[in-house]
C-alpha atoms as a PDB file:
ATOM      1  CA  MET A   1       0.000   0.000   0.000  1.00  0.00           C
ATOM      2  CA  ASP A   2       1.437   3.419  -0.910  1.00  0.00           C
ATOM      3  CA  PHE A   3       2.039   6.351   1.421  1.00  0.00           C
ATOM      4  CA  GLN A   4      -1.211   8.185   0.661  1.00  0.00           C
ATOM      5  CA  ASN A   5      -3.421   5.115   1.154  1.00  0.00           C
ATOM      6  CA  GLU A   6      -1.687   4.250   4.429  1.00  0.00           C
ATOM      7  CA  ILE A   7      -2.240   7.780   5.730  1.00  0.00           C
ATOM      8  CA  ILE A   8      -5.903   7.780   4.676  1.00  0.00           C
ATOM      9  CA  SER A   9      -6.508   4.334   6.199  1.00  0.00           C
ATOM     10  CA  TRP A  10      -4.950   5.511   9.463  1.00  0.00           C
ATOM     11  CA  TYR A  11      -7.130   8.646   9.370  1.00  0.00           C
ATOM     12  CA  GLN A  12     -10.384   6.752   8.930  1.00  0.00           C
ATOM     13  CA  ILE A  13      -9.658   4.871  12.155  1.00  0.00           C
ATOM     14  CA  ASN A  14      -8.035   7.585  14.279  1.00  0.00           C
ATOM     15  CA  LYS A  15      -9.541  10.933  13.230  1.00  0.00           C
ATOM     16  CA  ARG A  16     -10.996  13.204  15.885  1.00  0.00           C
ATOM     17  CA  ASN A  17     -14.678  14.087  15.744  1.00  0.00           C
ATOM     18  CA  LEU A  18     -14.408  17.831  15.053  1.00  0.00           C
ATOM     19  CA  PRO A  19     -17.498  19.878  14.110  1.00  0.00           C
ATOM     20  CA  TRP A  20     -16.057  21.507  10.989  1.00  0.00           C
ATOM     21  CA  ARG A  21     -15.339  18.089   9.465  1.00  0.00           C
ATOM     22  CA  SER A  22     -19.049  17.371   9.014  1.00  0.00           C
ATOM     23  CA  THR A  23     -19.711  20.291   6.664  1.00  0.00           C
ATOM     24  CA  LYS A  24     -18.845  21.551   3.189  1.00  0.00           C
ATOM     25  CA  ASP A  25     -19.852  25.094   4.146  1.00  0.00           C
ATOM     26  CA  ALA A  26     -16.856  27.248   3.197  1.00  0.00           C
ATOM     27  CA  TYR A  27     -17.798  29.910   5.771  1.00  0.00           C
ATOM     28  CA  VAL A  28     -17.743  27.422   8.643  1.00  0.00           C
ATOM     29  CA  ILE A  29     -14.480  25.913   7.391  1.00  0.00           C
ATOM     30  CA  TRP A  30     -12.936  29.403   7.063  1.00  0.00           C
ATOM     31  CA  LEU A  31     -14.014  30.193  10.612  1.00  0.00           C
ATOM     32  CA  SER A  32     -12.300  27.058  11.946  1.00  0.00           C
ATOM     33  CA  GLU A  33      -9.131  27.545   9.914  1.00  0.00           C
ATOM     34  CA  ILE A  34      -8.563  31.159  10.988  1.00  0.00           C
ATOM     35  CA  ILE A  35      -9.288  30.421  14.650  1.00  0.00           C
ATOM     36  CA  LEU A  36      -6.952  27.408  14.656  1.00  0.00           C
ATOM     37  CA  GLN A  37      -3.985  29.280  13.146  1.00  0.00           C
ATOM     38  CA  GLN A  38      -1.229  29.347  15.795  1.00  0.00           C
ATOM     39  CA  THR A  39      -3.728  27.658  18.152  1.00  0.00           C
ATOM     40  CA  ARG A  40      -4.145  24.114  19.473  1.00  0.00           C
ATOM     41  CA  VAL A  41      -7.477  22.441  18.667  1.00  0.00           C
ATOM     42  CA  GLU A  42      -8.273  22.063  22.374  1.00  0.00           C
ATOM     43  CA  GLN A  43      -7.877  25.797  22.897  1.00  0.00           C
ATOM     44  CA  GLY A  44      -9.539  26.880  19.660  1.00  0.00           C
ATOM     45  CA  LEU A  45     -12.656  24.663  19.756  1.00  0.00           C
ATOM     46  CA  PRO A  46     -14.542  26.733  22.396  1.00  0.00           C
ATOM     47  CA  TYR A  47     -13.807  29.902  20.387  1.00  0.00           C
ATOM     48  CA  PHE A  48     -15.064  28.255  17.198  1.00  0.00           C
ATOM     49  CA  ASN A  49     -18.298  27.309  18.942  1.00  0.00           C
ATOM     50  CA  LYS A  50     -18.721  30.832  20.380  1.00  0.00           C
ATOM     51  CA  PHE A  51     -18.169  32.510  17.014  1.00  0.00           C
ATOM     52  CA  LEU A  52     -20.478  30.135  15.127  1.00  0.00           C
ATOM     53  CA  GLU A  53     -23.203  30.635  17.708  1.00  0.00           C
ATOM     54  CA  ALA A  54     -22.832  34.437  17.584  1.00  0.00           C
ATOM     55  CA  TYR A  55     -22.454  34.598  13.787  1.00  0.00           C
ATOM     56  CA  PRO A  56     -24.100  31.568  12.108  1.00  0.00           C
ATOM     57  CA  THR A  57     -23.664  33.105   8.641  1.00  0.00           C
ATOM     58  CA  VAL A  58     -21.067  35.321   7.004  1.00  0.00           C
ATOM     59  CA  GLY A  59     -23.730  38.021   6.795  1.00  0.00           C
ATOM     60  CA  ASP A  60     -24.164  37.913  10.569  1.00  0.00           C
ATOM     61  CA  PHE A  61     -20.407  38.216  11.000  1.00  0.00           C
ATOM     62  CA  ALA A  62     -20.225  41.133   8.561  1.00  0.00           C
ATOM     63  CA  SER A  63     -22.730  43.114  10.623  1.00  0.00           C
ATOM     64  CA  ALA A  64     -20.728  42.764  13.855  1.00  0.00           C
ATOM     65  CA  SER A  65     -18.691  45.603  15.347  1.00  0.00           C
ATOM     66  CA  GLU A  66     -14.946  45.356  15.800  1.00  0.00           C
ATOM     67  CA  THR A  67     -15.382  45.643  19.574  1.00  0.00           C
ATOM     68  CA  GLN A  68     -17.773  42.669  19.605  1.00  0.00           C
ATOM     69  CA  VAL A  69     -15.418  40.545  17.493  1.00  0.00           C
ATOM     70  CA  LEU A  70     -12.341  41.395  19.568  1.00  0.00           C
ATOM     71  CA  LYS A  71     -14.220  40.649  22.781  1.00  0.00           C
ATOM     72  CA  LEU A  72     -15.161  37.181  21.500  1.00  0.00           C
ATOM     73  CA  TRP A  73     -11.556  36.740  20.340  1.00  0.00           C
ATOM     74  CA  GLN A  74     -10.108  37.782  23.712  1.00  0.00           C
ATOM     75  CA  GLY A  75      -7.482  35.346  24.981  1.00  0.00           C
ATOM     76  CA  LEU A  76      -6.573  33.825  21.597  1.00  0.00           C
ATOM     77  CA  GLY A  77      -3.779  36.304  20.849  1.00  0.00           C
ATOM     78  CA  TYR A  78      -2.737  37.502  17.383  1.00  0.00           C
ATOM     79  CA  TYR A  79      -5.622  39.991  17.464  1.00  0.00           C
ATOM     80  CA  SER A  80      -5.004  41.064  13.866  1.00  0.00           C
ATOM     81  CA  ARG A  81      -6.611  37.752  12.873  1.00  0.00           C
ATOM     82  CA  GLY A  82      -9.872  38.813  14.510  1.00  0.00           C
ATOM     83  CA  ARG A  83      -9.813  42.194  12.779  1.00  0.00           C
ATOM     84  CA  ASN A  84      -8.974  40.538   9.456  1.00  0.00           C
ATOM     85  CA  MET A  85     -11.900  38.144   9.895  1.00  0.00           C
ATOM     86  CA  LEU A  86     -14.344  41.029  10.235  1.00  0.00           C
ATOM     87  CA  PHE A  87     -12.890  42.708   7.138  1.00  0.00           C
ATOM     88  CA  THR A  88     -13.109  39.433   5.189  1.00  0.00           C
ATOM     89  CA  ALA A  89     -16.709  38.780   6.247  1.00  0.00           C
ATOM     90  CA  GLN A  90     -17.640  42.259   5.030  1.00  0.00           C
ATOM     91  CA  GLN A  91     -15.658  41.654   1.821  1.00  0.00           C
ATOM     92  CA  VAL A  92     -17.539  38.407   1.129  1.00  0.00           C
ATOM     93  CA  ASN A  93     -20.858  40.028   1.987  1.00  0.00           C
ATOM     94  CA  ASP A  94     -20.240  42.935  -0.385  1.00  0.00           C
ATOM     95  CA  LEU A  95     -18.365  41.320  -3.289  1.00  0.00           C
ATOM     96  CA  TYR A  96     -19.827  37.791  -3.285  1.00  0.00           C
ATOM     97  CA  ASP A  97     -23.392  38.553  -2.119  1.00  0.00           C
ATOM     98  CA  GLY A  98     -22.765  36.750   1.146  1.00  0.00           C
ATOM     99  CA  VAL A  99     -21.775  33.474  -0.560  1.00  0.00           C
ATOM    100  CA  PHE A 100     -18.344  32.381   0.636  1.00  0.00           C
ATOM    101  CA  PRO A 101     -16.085  31.488  -2.328  1.00  0.00           C
ATOM    102  CA  VAL A 102     -14.864  27.901  -2.624  1.00  0.00           C
ATOM    103  CA  GLN A 103     -12.199  28.183  -5.331  1.00  0.00           C
ATOM    104  CA  TYR A 104      -8.541  28.737  -4.441  1.00  0.00           C
ATOM    105  CA  ASN A 105      -8.047  31.631  -6.881  1.00  0.00           C
ATOM    106  CA  GLU A 106     -10.913  33.566  -5.276  1.00  0.00           C
ATOM    107  CA  LEU A 107     -10.114  32.630  -1.693  1.00  0.00           C
ATOM    108  CA  ILE A 108      -6.496  33.794  -1.954  1.00  0.00           C
ATOM    109  CA  LYS A 109      -7.768  37.325  -2.653  1.00  0.00           C
ATOM    110  CA  LEU A 110      -9.423  37.565   0.767  1.00  0.00           C
ATOM    111  CA  LYS A 111      -7.719  39.397   3.612  1.00  0.00           C
ATOM    112  CA  GLY A 112      -6.016  37.086   6.089  1.00  0.00           C
ATOM    113  CA  VAL A 113      -6.270  34.081   3.741  1.00  0.00           C
ATOM    114  CA  GLY A 114      -2.871  32.760   2.697  1.00  0.00           C
ATOM    115  CA  GLU A 115      -1.840  29.819   0.550  1.00  0.00           C
ATOM    116  CA  TYR A 116      -2.427  27.203   3.258  1.00  0.00           C
ATOM    117  CA  THR A 117      -5.864  28.522   4.260  1.00  0.00           C
ATOM    118  CA  ALA A 118      -7.020  28.900   0.647  1.00  0.00           C
ATOM    119  CA  ALA A 119      -5.932  25.320  -0.111  1.00  0.00           C
ATOM    120  CA  ALA A 120      -7.669  23.998   3.003  1.00  0.00           C
ATOM    121  CA  ILE A 121     -10.983  25.769   2.367  1.00  0.00           C
ATOM    122  CA  SER A 122     -11.068  24.973  -1.340  1.00  0.00           C
ATOM    123  CA  SER A 123     -10.207  21.294  -0.893  1.00  0.00           C
ATOM    124  CA  PHE A 124     -12.547  20.737   2.080  1.00  0.00           C
ATOM    125  CA  SER A 125     -15.513  22.594   0.597  1.00  0.00           C
ATOM    126  CA  SER A 126     -15.292  21.802  -3.119  1.00  0.00           C
ATOM    127  CA  GLY A 127     -12.710  19.015  -3.446  1.00  0.00           C
ATOM    128  CA  GLU A 128     -10.275  21.214  -5.395  1.00  0.00           C
ATOM    129  CA  ILE A 129      -6.939  19.422  -5.851  1.00  0.00           C
ATOM    130  CA  LYS A 130      -4.823  21.803  -3.766  1.00  0.00           C
ATOM    131  CA  ALA A 131      -2.340  20.403  -1.265  1.00  0.00           C
ATOM    132  CA  VAL A 132      -2.176  21.991   2.180  1.00  0.00           C
ATOM    133  CA  LEU A 133       1.137  22.804   3.817  1.00  0.00           C
ATOM    134  CA  ASP A 134       0.979  23.532   7.525  1.00  0.00           C
ATOM    135  CA  GLY A 135       3.411  22.659  10.298  1.00  0.00           C
ATOM    136  CA  ASN A 136       2.031  19.132  10.597  1.00  0.00           C
ATOM    137  CA  VAL A 137       2.367  18.427   6.868  1.00  0.00           C
ATOM    138  CA  PHE A 138       5.886  19.885   6.689  1.00  0.00           C
ATOM    139  CA  ARG A 139       6.914  17.579   9.534  1.00  0.00           C
ATOM    140  CA  VAL A 140       5.398  14.408   8.038  1.00  0.00           C
ATOM    141  CA  LEU A 141       6.860  15.020   4.576  1.00  0.00           C
ATOM    142  CA  SER A 142      10.268  16.026   5.895  1.00  0.00           C
ATOM    143  CA  ARG A 143      10.600  12.904   8.042  1.00  0.00           C
ATOM    144  CA  TYR A 144       9.095  10.390   5.639  1.00  0.00           C
ATOM    145  CA  PHE A 145      10.866  11.590   2.485  1.00  0.00           C
ATOM    146  CA  GLY A 146      14.054  12.812   4.168  1.00  0.00           C
ATOM    147  CA  VAL A 147      13.774  16.439   3.016  1.00  0.00           C
ATOM    148  CA  ASN A 148      16.399  18.435   4.917  1.00  0.00           C
ATOM    149  CA  HIS A 149      15.982  21.883   3.381  1.00  0.00           C
ATOM    150  CA  PRO A 150      14.671  24.311   6.033  1.00  0.00           C
ATOM    151  CA  ILE A 151      10.893  24.494   5.933  1.00  0.00           C
ATOM    152  CA  ASN A 152      11.017  28.289   6.314  1.00  0.00           C
ATOM    153  CA  SER A 153      13.525  28.871   3.495  1.00  0.00           C
ATOM    154  CA  SER A 154      12.631  29.753  -0.105  1.00  0.00           C
ATOM    155  CA  ILE A 155      14.140  26.569  -1.533  1.00  0.00           C
ATOM    156  CA  GLY A 156      12.490  24.476   1.166  1.00  0.00           C
ATOM    157  CA  LYS A 157       9.038  25.928   0.560  1.00  0.00           C
ATOM    158  CA  LYS A 158       9.331  25.276  -3.184  1.00  0.00           C
ATOM    159  CA  GLU A 159      10.459  21.682  -2.666  1.00  0.00           C
ATOM    160  CA  PHE A 160       7.765  20.888  -0.107  1.00  0.00           C
ATOM    161  CA  SER A 161       5.081  22.560  -2.204  1.00  0.00           C
ATOM    162  CA  ALA A 162       5.964  20.495  -5.274  1.00  0.00           C
ATOM    163  CA  LEU A 163       6.155  17.279  -3.239  1.00  0.00           C
ATOM    164  CA  ALA A 164       2.832  17.902  -1.486  1.00  0.00           C
ATOM    165  CA  GLN A 165       1.053  18.688  -4.750  1.00  0.00           C
ATOM    166  CA  SER A 166       2.434  15.556  -6.426  1.00  0.00           C
ATOM    167  CA  LEU A 167       1.074  13.397  -3.600  1.00  0.00           C
ATOM    168  CA  ILE A 168      -2.470  14.782  -3.701  1.00  0.00           C
ATOM    169  CA  GLU A 169      -2.942  14.221  -7.440  1.00  0.00           C
ATOM    170  CA  GLY A 170      -5.502  11.475  -7.990  1.00  0.00           C
ATOM    171  CA  GLN A 171      -6.670  11.566  -4.367  1.00  0.00           C
ATOM    172  CA  ASP A 172      -9.879  12.737  -2.732  1.00  0.00           C
ATOM    173  CA  ALA A 173      -8.386  16.116  -1.847  1.00  0.00           C
ATOM    174  CA  SER A 174     -10.598  16.779   1.161  1.00  0.00           C
ATOM    175  CA  VAL A 175      -9.906  13.415   2.777  1.00  0.00           C
ATOM    176  CA  TYR A 176      -6.200  13.293   1.973  1.00  0.00           C
ATOM    177  CA  ASN A 177      -5.464  16.833   3.185  1.00  0.00           C
ATOM    178  CA  GLN A 178      -7.295  16.252   6.449  1.00  0.00           C
ATOM    179  CA  ALA A 179      -5.630  12.863   6.837  1.00  0.00           C
ATOM    180  CA  ILE A 180      -2.046  14.070   6.534  1.00  0.00           C
ATOM    181  CA  MET A 181      -2.666  17.028   8.856  1.00  0.00           C
ATOM    182  CA  GLU A 182      -4.283  14.770  11.449  1.00  0.00           C
ATOM    183  CA  PHE A 183      -1.443  12.265  11.092  1.00  0.00           C
ATOM    184  CA  GLY A 184       1.060  15.003  11.898  1.00  0.00           C
ATOM    185  CA  ALA A 185      -0.990  16.253  14.843  1.00  0.00           C
ATOM    186  CA  LEU A 186      -1.587  12.890  16.508  1.00  0.00           C
ATOM    187  CA  GLN A 187       0.980  10.375  15.223  1.00  0.00           C
ATOM    188  CA  CYS A 188       4.031  12.136  13.772  1.00  0.00           C
ATOM    189  CA  LYS A 189       4.142  14.693  16.592  1.00  0.00           C
ATOM    190  CA  PRO A 190       6.943  17.268  17.030  1.00  0.00           C
ATOM    191  CA  LYS A 191       8.114  15.591  20.222  1.00  0.00           C
ATOM    192  CA  SER A 192       7.704  11.917  21.101  1.00  0.00           C
ATOM    193  CA  PRO A 193       6.154  10.789  17.792  1.00  0.00           C
ATOM    194  CA  VAL A 194       4.517   7.364  17.952  1.00  0.00           C
ATOM    195  CA  CYS A 195       7.076   5.680  15.694  1.00  0.00           C
ATOM    196  CA  GLY A 196       6.633   2.204  17.213  1.00  0.00           C
ATOM    197  CA  LEU A 197       3.029   2.033  15.996  1.00  0.00           C
ATOM    198  CA  CYS A 198       3.450   4.033  12.795  1.00  0.00           C
ATOM    199  CA  PRO A 199       1.847   2.485   9.671  1.00  0.00           C
ATOM    200  CA  VAL A 200       4.469   4.060   7.354  1.00  0.00           C
ATOM    201  CA  GLN A 201       7.463   3.269   9.563  1.00  0.00           C
ATOM    202  CA  SER A 202       9.098   0.922   7.060  1.00  0.00           C
ATOM    203  CA  GLY A 203       9.309   3.631   4.370  1.00  0.00           C
ATOM    204  CA  CYS A 204      10.162   6.525   6.679  1.00  0.00           C
ATOM    205  CA  TYR A 205      13.594   8.020   5.963  1.00  0.00           C
ATOM    206  CA  ALA A 206      13.917   9.674   9.369  1.00  0.00           C
ATOM    207  CA  TYR A 207      13.054   6.482  11.256  1.00  0.00           C
ATOM    208  CA  GLN A 208      15.348   4.289   9.170  1.00  0.00           C
ATOM    209  CA  HIS A 209      18.263   6.760   9.492  1.00  0.00           C
ATOM    210  CA  ASN A 210      17.689   7.703  13.146  1.00  0.00           C
ATOM    211  CA  GLN A 211      16.889  11.350  12.253  1.00  0.00           C
ATOM    212  CA  VAL A 212      13.400  11.690  13.691  1.00  0.00           C
ATOM    213  CA  ASN A 213      14.560  14.343  16.156  1.00  0.00           C
ATOM    214  CA  GLN A 214      16.585  16.202  13.487  1.00  0.00           C
ATOM    215  CA  LEU A 215      13.752  16.664  10.980  1.00  0.00           C
ATOM    216  CA  PRO A 216      12.225  18.943   9.921  1.00  0.00           C
ATOM    217  CA  VAL A 217      14.964  21.579   9.743  1.00  0.00           C
ATOM    218  CA  LYS A 218      13.978  25.161  10.533  1.00  0.00           C
ATOM    219  CA  LEU A 219      16.025  28.336  10.324  1.00  0.00           C
ATOM    220  CA  LYS A 220      16.601  29.947  13.715  1.00  0.00           C
ATOM    221  CA  LYS A 221      13.978  32.395  14.894  1.00  0.00           C
ATOM    222  CA  LEU A 222      14.625  36.072  15.422  1.00  0.00           C
ATOM    223  CA  ILE A 223      15.598  37.075  18.942  1.00  0.00           C
ATOM    224  CA  LYS A 224      12.632  38.283  20.960  1.00  0.00           C
ATOM    225  CA  ARG A 225      12.372  41.951  21.854  1.00  0.00           C
ATOM    226  CA  ASN A 226      11.986  42.882  25.529  1.00  0.00           C
ATOM    227  CA  ARG A 227       9.590  45.723  26.388  1.00  0.00           C
ATOM    228  CA  TYR A 228       8.903  47.377  29.733  1.00  0.00           C
ATOM    229  CA  PHE A 229       5.392  48.695  30.448  1.00  0.00           C
ATOM    230  CA  ASN A 230       4.561  50.722  33.576  1.00  0.00           C
ATOM    231  CA  TYR A 231       0.783  50.756  34.030  1.00  0.00           C
ATOM    232  CA  PHE A 232      -1.083  53.219  36.241  1.00  0.00           C
ATOM    233  CA  ILE A 233      -4.434  52.301  37.794  1.00  0.00           C
ATOM    234  CA  CYS A 234      -6.955  55.012  38.596  1.00  0.00           C
ATOM    235  CA  VAL A 235     -10.234  53.926  40.241  1.00  0.00           C
ATOM    236  CA  GLU A 236     -12.949  56.170  41.665  1.00  0.00           C
ATOM    237  CA  GLU A 237     -16.683  55.965  42.284  1.00  0.00           C
ATOM    238  CA  GLY A 238     -17.142  52.598  40.584  1.00  0.00           C
ATOM    239  CA  ARG A 239     -15.156  53.620  37.499  1.00  0.00           C
ATOM    240  CA  ILE A 240     -11.702  52.735  36.192  1.00  0.00           C
ATOM    241  CA  LEU A 241      -9.528  54.671  33.751  1.00  0.00           C
ATOM    242  CA  LEU A 242      -8.697  52.757  30.560  1.00  0.00           C
ATOM    243  CA  ASN A 243      -6.583  53.484  27.514  1.00  0.00           C
ATOM    244  CA  HIS A 244      -7.880  52.616  24.024  1.00  0.00           C
ATOM    245  CA  ARG A 245      -4.844  51.416  22.067  1.00  0.00           C
ATOM    246  CA  GLY A 246      -4.379  52.735  18.548  1.00  0.00           C
ATOM    247  CA  ALA A 247      -2.870  51.320  15.365  1.00  0.00           C
ATOM    248  CA  GLY A 248       0.782  50.520  14.741  1.00  0.00           C
ATOM    249  CA  ASP A 249       1.578  48.358  17.772  1.00  0.00           C
ATOM    250  CA  ILE A 250       0.489  45.214  19.570  1.00  0.00           C
ATOM    251  CA  TRP A 251      -3.100  44.905  20.847  1.00  0.00           C
ATOM    252  CA  GLN A 252      -4.497  47.342  18.285  1.00  0.00           C
ATOM    253  CA  HIS A 253      -7.920  48.700  19.356  1.00  0.00           C
ATOM    254  CA  LEU A 254      -7.904  46.747  22.629  1.00  0.00           C
ATOM    255  CA  TYR A 255      -8.145  48.382  26.057  1.00  0.00           C
ATOM    256  CA  ASP A 256      -5.395  48.541  28.662  1.00  0.00           C
ATOM    257  CA  PHE A 257      -4.417  51.212  31.208  1.00  0.00           C
ATOM    258  CA  PRO A 258      -2.546  54.515  31.022  1.00  0.00           C
ATOM    259  CA  MET A 259       1.079  53.495  30.587  1.00  0.00           C
ATOM    260  CA  ILE A 260       4.631  54.760  30.292  1.00  0.00           C
ATOM    261  CA  GLU A 261       7.021  52.499  28.376  1.00  0.00           C
ATOM    262  CA  THR A 262      10.697  52.541  29.338  1.00  0.00           C
ATOM    263  CA  GLU A 263      13.814  51.150  27.678  1.00  0.00           C
ATOM    264  CA  GLN A 264      14.603  48.943  30.647  1.00  0.00           C
ATOM    265  CA  GLU A 265      13.097  47.838  33.949  1.00  0.00           C
ATOM    266  CA  ASP A 266      13.506  51.152  35.745  1.00  0.00           C
ATOM    267  CA  ASN A 267      13.009  51.749  39.424  1.00  0.00           C
ATOM    268  CA  LEU A 268       9.889  53.924  39.446  1.00  0.00           C
ATOM    269  CA  PHE A 269      11.235  56.146  42.175  1.00  0.00           C
ATOM    270  CA  GLU A 270      14.369  57.074  40.301  1.00  0.00           C
ATOM    271  CA  ALA A 271      14.125  60.656  39.091  1.00  0.00           C
ATOM    272  CA  GLY A 272      13.611  59.946  35.374  1.00  0.00           C
ATOM    273  CA  LEU A 273      10.480  57.817  35.557  1.00  0.00           C
ATOM    274  CA  VAL A 274       8.832  59.414  38.566  1.00  0.00           C
ATOM    275  CA  ASN A 275       9.140  62.830  36.885  1.00  0.00           C
ATOM    276  CA  LYS A 276       7.350  61.448  33.824  1.00  0.00           C
ATOM    277  CA  VAL A 277       4.549  60.180  36.075  1.00  0.00           C
ATOM    278  CA  LYS A 278       4.227  63.579  37.780  1.00  0.00           C
ATOM    279  CA  HIS A 279       4.201  65.352  34.432  1.00  0.00           C
ATOM    280  CA  LYS A 280       1.377  63.081  33.260  1.00  0.00           C
ATOM    281  CA  PHE A 281      -0.684  62.866  36.467  1.00  0.00           C
ATOM    282  CA  GLY A 282       0.238  65.972  38.492  1.00  0.00           C
ATOM    283  CA  ALA A 283       3.057  66.918  40.858  1.00  0.00           C
ATOM    284  CA  ASN A 284       1.225  65.708  43.972  1.00  0.00           C
ATOM    285  CA  VAL A 285       0.309  62.250  42.659  1.00  0.00           C
ATOM    286  CA  VAL A 286       0.730  59.356  45.124  1.00  0.00           C
ATOM    287  CA  ILE A 287       2.126  56.151  43.574  1.00  0.00           C
ATOM    288  CA  LYS A 288       1.659  52.697  45.125  1.00  0.00           C
ATOM    289  CA  PRO A 289       3.239  49.554  43.583  1.00  0.00           C
ATOM    290  CA  ILE A 290       0.773  46.680  43.089  1.00  0.00           C
ATOM    291  CA  MET A 291       2.447  43.816  41.174  1.00  0.00           C
ATOM    292  CA  LYS A 292       4.823  42.784  38.397  1.00  0.00           C
ATOM    293  CA  VAL A 293       3.934  40.491  35.490  1.00  0.00           C
ATOM    294  CA  LYS A 294       5.911  38.834  32.683  1.00  0.00           C
ATOM    295  CA  HIS A 295       3.872  38.210  29.516  1.00  0.00           C
ATOM    296  CA  LEU A 296       5.184  36.212  26.543  1.00  0.00           C
ATOM    297  CA  LEU A 297       4.197  37.054  22.965  1.00  0.00           C
ATOM    298  CA  THR A 298       5.555  35.469  19.786  1.00  0.00           C
ATOM    299  CA  HIS A 299       8.112  38.168  19.024  1.00  0.00           C
ATOM    300  CA  GLN A 300       8.108  40.144  22.257  1.00  0.00           C
ATOM    301  CA  THR A 301       8.348  39.660  25.991  1.00  0.00           C
ATOM    302  CA  ILE A 302       6.401  42.210  28.010  1.00  0.00           C
ATOM    303  CA  PHE A 303       7.635  43.053  31.516  1.00  0.00           C
ATOM    304  CA  ALA A 304       4.742  44.941  33.094  1.00  0.00           C
ATOM    305  CA  GLU A 305       4.527  46.645  36.465  1.00  0.00           C
ATOM    306  CA  PHE A 306       1.217  47.926  37.794  1.00  0.00           C
ATOM    307  CA  PHE A 307       0.907  50.933  40.103  1.00  0.00           C
ATOM    308  CA  GLY A 308      -2.127  52.370  41.856  1.00  0.00           C
ATOM    309  CA  LEU A 309      -2.487  56.161  41.758  1.00  0.00           C
ATOM    310  CA  GLU A 310      -4.090  58.547  44.206  1.00  0.00           C
ATOM    311  CA  ASN A 311      -4.393  62.349  44.233  1.00  0.00           C
ATOM    312  CA  TYR A 312      -3.935  62.457  40.455  1.00  0.00           C
ATOM    313  CA  ILE A 313      -4.939  65.075  37.902  1.00  0.00           C
ATOM    314  CA  LEU A 314      -6.092  64.057  34.429  1.00  0.00           C
ATOM    315  CA  ASN A 315      -5.874  66.206  31.322  1.00  0.00           C
ATOM    316  CA  PHE A 316      -8.023  64.540  28.677  1.00  0.00           C
ATOM    317  CA  ASN A 317      -6.986  67.131  26.101  1.00  0.00           C
ATOM    318  CA  HIS A 318      -3.481  65.657  26.241  1.00  0.00           C
ATOM    319  CA  ASP A 319      -4.592  62.034  26.544  1.00  0.00           C
ATOM    320  CA  SER A 320      -7.540  61.647  24.202  1.00  0.00           C
ATOM    321  CA  THR A 321      -7.245  57.840  24.244  1.00  0.00           C
ATOM    322  CA  PHE A 322      -8.123  57.700  27.968  1.00  0.00           C
ATOM    323  CA  LYS A 323     -11.709  57.084  29.049  1.00  0.00           C
ATOM    324  CA  TRP A 324     -13.537  56.361  32.276  1.00  0.00           C
ATOM    325  CA  VAL A 325     -15.392  53.048  32.208  1.00  0.00           C
ATOM    326  CA  ASP A 326     -17.888  51.770  34.764  1.00  0.00           C
ATOM    327  CA  LEU A 327     -16.608  48.601  36.398  1.00  0.00           C
ATOM    328  CA  SER A 328     -19.854  46.912  35.346  1.00  0.00           C
ATOM    329  CA  GLU A 329     -18.980  47.569  31.666  1.00  0.00           C
ATOM    330  CA  LEU A 330     -15.497  46.046  31.750  1.00  0.00           C
ATOM    331  CA  GLU A 331     -16.645  42.648  30.525  1.00  0.00           C
ATOM    332  CA  GLU A 332     -17.943  44.178  27.287  1.00  0.00           C
ATOM    333  CA  LEU A 333     -14.588  45.671  26.261  1.00  0.00           C
ATOM    334  CA  PRO A 334     -11.815  43.629  24.589  1.00  0.00           C
ATOM    335  CA  GLN A 335      -8.571  43.532  26.559  1.00  0.00           C
ATOM    336  CA  PRO A 336      -5.226  41.731  26.266  1.00  0.00           C
ATOM    337  CA  LYS A 337      -5.183  38.599  28.420  1.00  0.00           C
ATOM    338  CA  MET A 338      -2.553  40.143  30.694  1.00  0.00           C
ATOM    339  CA  ILE A 339      -4.934  43.027  31.488  1.00  0.00           C
ATOM    340  CA  THR A 340      -7.912  40.713  32.081  1.00  0.00           C
ATOM    341  CA  ASP A 341      -5.829  38.575  34.448  1.00  0.00           C
ATOM    342  CA  PHE A 342      -4.726  41.678  36.359  1.00  0.00           C
ATOM    343  CA  LEU A 343      -8.310  42.956  36.648  1.00  0.00           C
ATOM    344  CA  ASN A 344      -9.505  39.570  37.930  1.00  0.00           C
ATOM    345  CA  PHE A 345      -6.850  39.807  40.654  1.00  0.00           C
ATOM    346  CA  TYR A 346      -7.167  43.509  41.433  1.00  0.00           C
ATOM    347  CA  LEU A 347     -10.954  43.807  41.576  1.00  0.00           C
ATOM    348  CA  THR A 348     -11.430  40.715  43.759  1.00  0.00           C
ATOM    349  CA  LYS A 349      -8.671  41.272  46.315  1.00  0.00           C
END
């Protein structure tokens, strides 16, 4: 039995029962694919269910506000995906009369839809012969066929793309694509793959040459950037002061607190930083440390320190992004997970 048939046979026995596998609806498949980017199925499934319940059709999604979408998205990270989804839903509603496209050449035109996502949606919804290439597929192909070009290099991407497309020819594209992705997720895992019970073990280059832990090859990641956020908490009469973040940085259009960013982890009470606080909140402001938090993002590490303020003065002409919010309204506003975690601690202590 050849590689493809072995993978499909394995899939028919071992596949997980996931809700988007029982539909050909391109909108539902798109929803699942975008939510599961950079996200484990276990984490993404509740979000998928929430979004599908809130927006059962692409037209429903298109009529949502950005605040509503970001609030539903809260905790998933990569918030640009949520904003892109809203733009795409509106795009489909306007340009395709609310009918989600199913062909690769149309899907690739949509915002936030790359080559992998377009191949997945088109093959799952219409059976188009387009091979998917995600992290799971790269890993399976690299190990089985012994491809040692880096998966994130130009030459590697070309080689893997050609190989993947050659394997899907003549197959049921929907079944084969889902099978090889599931095989990578459950059997040919990044760490501790189940080689002893692998149905394609005998033909696997990595297993036969003791290179399972060396493949796939990936070029080294960029060094993470460290950032230092000093947050200031103002609470009075059942209200809290929030900052609405703008474009051009992380957490675009989410809410956090008034903040001063520094180049390093400064001692607040050294002259430089404390003078900035007094300039922003008045010379007689009283500053009380609350807690420190370390928050990991893909390309950045945030070192945040939270301070409570008393006897402050606010000039909203200078800080137009600040707004008072009733504590009862906090749950309706999208926030970075780090801010939500802080609020859960601070408001219940």
